């Protein structure tokens, strides 16, 4: 669920910030410096969000042998991890 919310934020944030930018641009006199600051901060926030999502999206460590998907008796058997044989 957290990953879904972060992905939705990453998708919607540029549109929301552009909307805010257009509203502020109409309301305030033109100052050429603040849009670049806003864009830089937006990029920094999205970069940090990328690091957070990458840290949260770790696959669990598994012990075993990976068997790729294959055709067995006319049906596709999905990929799986078979446990290691202990001797």
Protein backbone atom coordinates (compact mmCIF):
# COMPACT_ATOMS: atom_id res chain seq x y z
CA UNK A 1 0.00 0.00 0.00
CA UNK A 2 2.85 2.38 0.83
CA UNK A 3 4.45 1.68 -2.53
CA UNK A 4 1.18 2.45 -4.29
CA UNK A 5 0.80 5.77 -2.46
CA UNK A 6 4.39 6.77 -3.20
CA UNK A 7 3.96 5.90 -6.87
CA UNK A 8 0.72 7.91 -7.03
CA UNK A 9 2.50 10.85 -5.39
CA UNK A 10 5.38 10.62 -7.87
CA UNK A 11 2.90 10.61 -10.75
CA UNK A 12 0.65 13.41 -9.51
CA UNK A 13 3.23 15.73 -7.91
CA UNK A 14 4.45 17.38 -11.15
CA UNK A 15 0.88 18.13 -12.23
CA UNK A 16 -0.04 19.55 -8.83
CA UNK A 17 3.09 21.68 -8.72
CA UNK A 18 2.44 23.00 -12.22
CA UNK A 19 -1.09 23.93 -11.15
CA UNK A 20 0.29 25.76 -8.10
CA UNK A 21 2.88 27.46 -10.31
CA UNK A 22 0.25 28.76 -12.75
CA UNK A 23 -1.90 30.10 -9.91
CA UNK A 24 1.03 31.86 -8.25
CA UNK A 25 2.29 33.20 -11.56
CA UNK A 26 -1.03 34.92 -12.13
CA UNK A 27 -1.29 36.26 -8.57
CA UNK A 28 2.25 37.59 -8.03
CA UNK A 29 4.43 39.85 -10.12
CA UNK A 30 6.95 38.01 -12.25
CA UNK A 31 10.08 36.94 -10.49
CA UNK A 32 12.26 34.71 -12.62
CA UNK A 33 14.19 33.03 -9.82
CA UNK A 34 11.52 31.20 -7.80
CA UNK A 35 10.33 28.74 -10.52
CA UNK A 36 13.83 27.31 -10.76
CA UNK A 37 14.02 26.95 -6.98
CA UNK A 38 10.64 25.20 -6.99
CA UNK A 39 11.72 22.86 -9.78
CA UNK A 40 15.00 22.08 -8.00
CA UNK A 41 13.19 21.30 -4.74
CA UNK A 42 10.66 19.13 -6.59
CA UNK A 43 13.47 17.15 -8.20
CA UNK A 44 15.17 16.70 -4.83
CA UNK A 45 11.96 15.46 -3.21
CA UNK A 46 11.34 12.99 -6.04
CA UNK A 47 14.94 11.75 -5.86
CA UNK A 48 14.60 11.17 -2.11
CA UNK A 49 11.29 9.40 -2.71
CA UNK A 50 13.04 7.12 -5.21
CA UNK A 51 15.61 6.15 -2.59
CA UNK A 52 12.87 5.46 -0.03
CA UNK A 53 10.88 3.28 -2.44
CA UNK A 54 14.03 1.38 -3.41
CA UNK A 55 14.82 0.78 0.26
CA UNK A 56 11.29 -0.45 1.03
CA UNK A 57 11.06 -2.68 -2.04
CA UNK A 58 13.61 -5.28 -1.06
CA UNK A 59 12.90 -8.85 -2.08
CA UNK A 60 13.15 -11.34 0.76
CA UNK A 61 16.30 -13.41 0.81
CA UNK A 62 15.62 -16.94 -0.34
CA UNK A 63 17.69 -20.05 -0.17
CA UNK A 64 17.25 -22.42 -3.03
CA UNK A 65 17.59 -22.96 -6.73
CA UNK A 66 15.65 -20.82 -9.21
CA UNK A 67 13.74 -22.81 -11.82
CA UNK A 68 12.50 -20.63 -14.71
CA UNK A 69 9.07 -21.02 -16.26
CA UNK A 70 8.92 -23.98 -18.60
CA UNK A 71 6.55 -26.05 -20.68
CA UNK A 72 5.45 -29.25 -18.92
CA UNK A 73 2.85 -31.58 -20.45
CA UNK A 74 1.53 -28.86 -22.74
CA UNK A 75 1.07 -26.34 -19.91
CA UNK A 76 3.30 -23.53 -18.75
CA UNK A 77 4.66 -24.21 -15.28
CA UNK A 78 5.41 -20.93 -13.49
CA UNK A 79 8.86 -20.00 -12.29
CA UNK A 80 9.66 -21.16 -8.78
CA UNK A 81 12.41 -21.53 -6.22
CA UNK A 82 13.11 -25.07 -5.16
CA UNK A 83 14.65 -25.57 -1.73
CA UNK A 84 18.23 -26.75 -1.57
CA UNK A 85 18.63 -30.47 -0.98
CA UNK A 86 20.26 -31.04 2.37
CA UNK A 87 22.53 -34.03 2.64
